Amino acid sequence: MADEPADVEAPSRNDNATITPPEAPWRDEPVTITCPVCQKGFARQGKRQWCSPACKTEAWRRRHQADRPAVVVPPARPRRPITVYECDGCGARAVGHQRCEDCGTFMRKIGLGGPCPHCDTPVSVTELLDQEVVPRN
């Protein structure tokens, strides 16, 4: 065995030396990371990026979902100004006023409507169309 160097020494072993634990990593990133879906910490194993298969599936759905149009809700409007009321006592009608000016009693609601463009008397849309009208907000 002429190819081996003669000057190579075996490393000396000191049995009395204390064993030091491995140093803690500078950052906890290799040890624990945060799941981008549920924001919980988990121990990383290999190249795993999510804490569970459910979070992995949710991440895929979020990446591949179609952009939904924004839902625009119109501001609320009161109905009283466009409601026709009729007095049971005298038969008077009014738009937007619930109390009868002649009797002083409360009138019942006829429906949505307004003043007639020809004679300016209150008329409801239901009376004009002979159908029930459901208001949309």
Protein backbone atom coordinates (compact mmCIF):
# COMPACT_ATOMS: atom_id res chain seq x y z
CA MET A 1 0.00 0.00 0.00
CA ALA A 2 2.37 2.53 -1.26
CA ASP A 3 -0.35 4.98 -2.31
CA GLU A 4 -1.34 5.96 1.27
CA PRO A 5 0.37 8.97 2.79
CA ALA A 6 2.28 8.13 5.89
CA ASP A 7 1.81 11.48 7.63
CA VAL A 8 -2.00 11.27 8.02
CA GLU A 9 -3.05 11.23 11.65
CA ALA A 10 -6.39 10.07 12.93
CA PRO A 11 -8.30 12.84 14.66
CA SER A 12 -7.86 12.69 18.41
CA ARG A 13 -10.93 11.92 20.39
CA ASN A 14 -11.58 13.65 23.69
CA ASP A 15 -14.10 11.65 25.68
CA ASN A 16 -14.24 14.28 28.43
CA ALA A 17 -15.42 17.04 26.07
CA THR A 18 -18.99 18.26 26.44
CA ILE A 19 -21.32 17.80 23.52
CA THR A 20 -22.85 21.07 22.39
CA PRO A 21 -26.28 21.02 20.76
CA PRO A 22 -26.49 22.27 17.19
CA GLU A 23 -26.96 25.98 16.91
CA ALA A 24 -30.49 27.29 16.49
CA PRO A 25 -31.16 28.66 13.03
CA TRP A 26 -30.91 32.41 12.58
CA ARG A 27 -34.50 32.50 11.42
CA ASP A 28 -37.37 30.17 12.22
CA GLU A 29 -38.32 30.01 8.54
CA PRO A 30 -36.74 26.63 7.83
CA VAL A 31 -38.27 25.21 11.00
CA THR A 32 -41.78 26.71 11.03
CA ILE A 33 -43.52 28.73 8.33
CA THR A 34 -46.92 30.37 8.06
CA CYS A 35 -49.57 28.85 5.81
CA PRO A 36 -50.55 31.48 3.21
CA VAL A 37 -54.21 30.38 3.33
CA CYS A 38 -55.12 30.00 7.01
CA GLN A 39 -52.17 31.96 8.49
CA LYS A 40 -51.28 29.18 10.96
CA GLY A 41 -47.71 28.10 11.62
CA PHE A 42 -46.61 24.59 10.75
CA ALA A 43 -43.39 22.58 10.57
CA ARG A 44 -42.09 22.54 7.04
CA GLN A 45 -41.37 19.17 5.49
CA GLY A 46 -39.54 19.23 2.20
CA LYS A 47 -40.98 21.77 -0.25
CA ARG A 48 -44.43 21.79 1.34
CA GLN A 49 -45.99 25.27 1.35
CA TRP A 50 -49.40 24.60 2.92
CA CYS A 51 -50.30 23.14 6.30
CA SER A 52 -52.92 20.70 4.99
CA PRO A 53 -54.36 19.34 1.75
CA ALA A 54 -57.48 21.46 2.37
CA CYS A 55 -55.40 24.65 2.39
CA LYS A 56 -53.57 23.50 -0.74
CA THR A 57 -56.92 22.99 -2.50
CA GLU A 58 -58.20 26.39 -1.34
CA ALA A 59 -55.04 28.07 -2.62
CA TRP A 60 -55.54 26.44 -6.04
CA ARG A 61 -59.18 27.60 -6.11
CA ARG A 62 -58.18 31.15 -5.24
CA ARG A 63 -55.59 31.22 -8.01
CA HIS A 64 -57.94 29.81 -10.65
CA GLN A 65 -61.27 31.44 -9.84
CA ALA A 66 -62.78 33.85 -12.33
CA ASP A 67 -62.96 37.49 -11.37
CA ARG A 68 -66.46 38.18 -10.14
CA PRO A 69 -68.08 41.51 -10.88
CA ALA A 70 -68.55 43.71 -7.86
CA VAL A 71 -72.05 43.73 -6.43
CA VAL A 72 -73.43 47.24 -6.50
CA VAL A 73 -76.24 47.82 -4.04
CA PRO A 74 -78.23 50.98 -4.71
CA PRO A 75 -78.79 53.29 -1.77
CA ALA A 76 -82.01 52.83 0.15
CA ARG A 77 -84.84 55.19 -0.74
CA PRO A 78 -87.96 55.82 1.31
CA ARG A 79 -91.23 54.69 -0.29
CA ARG A 80 -93.55 57.08 1.48
CA PRO A 81 -93.05 59.97 -1.01
CA ILE A 82 -94.19 57.73 -3.89
CA THR A 83 -97.03 55.93 -2.07
CA VAL A 84 -100.72 56.74 -2.65
CA TYR A 85 -102.99 56.74 0.43
CA GLU A 86 -106.82 56.82 0.54
CA CYS A 87 -109.10 57.83 3.42
CA ASP A 88 -111.78 55.26 4.34
CA GLY A 89 -114.03 57.96 5.78
CA CYS A 90 -114.23 60.58 3.03
CA GLY A 91 -112.46 58.88 0.09
CA ALA A 92 -109.80 61.60 -0.25
CA ARG A 93 -106.47 60.57 -1.72
CA ALA A 94 -102.95 61.87 -1.12
CA VAL A 95 -99.42 61.06 -2.29
CA GLY A 96 -96.84 60.82 0.48
CA HIS A 97 -99.17 61.91 3.35
CA GLN A 98 -100.68 59.29 5.64
CA ARG A 99 -103.07 61.58 7.55
CA CYS A 100 -106.23 62.83 5.85
CA GLU A 101 -106.39 66.65 5.72
CA ASP A 102 -110.22 66.64 5.82
CA CYS A 103 -110.96 64.02 8.54
CA GLY A 104 -107.67 64.00 10.45
CA THR A 105 -107.61 60.17 10.46
CA PHE A 106 -104.97 57.89 9.09
CA MET A 107 -105.49 56.70 5.52
CA ARG A 108 -104.84 53.22 4.15
CA LYS A 109 -102.15 52.50 1.61
CA ILE A 110 -103.29 51.91 -1.96
CA GLY A 111 -99.87 51.27 -3.49
CA LEU A 112 -96.99 52.95 -5.27
CA GLY A 113 -97.92 55.78 -7.59
CA GLY A 114 -98.07 59.52 -7.96
CA PRO A 115 -100.11 62.39 -9.33
CA CYS A 116 -101.87 61.86 -12.66
CA PRO A 117 -100.13 63.93 -15.39
CA HIS A 118 -103.51 65.04 -16.82
CA CYS A 119 -105.73 65.80 -13.81
CA ASP A 120 -103.16 65.87 -10.95
CA THR A 121 -105.22 63.46 -8.79
CA PRO A 122 -103.29 60.70 -6.99
CA VAL A 123 -103.35 57.42 -8.87
CA SER A 124 -101.54 54.16 -8.13
CA VAL A 125 -99.62 52.08 -10.64
CA THR A 126 -101.74 49.05 -9.73
CA GLU A 127 -104.88 50.86 -10.87
CA LEU A 128 -103.26 51.82 -14.16
CA LEU A 129 -101.91 48.39 -15.02
CA ASP A 130 -104.47 46.14 -13.29
CA GLN A 131 -101.48 44.18 -11.91
CA GLU A 132 -99.73 44.09 -8.55
CA VAL A 133 -96.41 45.96 -8.55
CA VAL A 134 -93.57 44.81 -6.28
CA PRO A 135 -91.06 47.60 -5.62
CA ARG A 136 -87.34 46.83 -6.05
CA ASN A 137 -84.74 48.30 -3.75
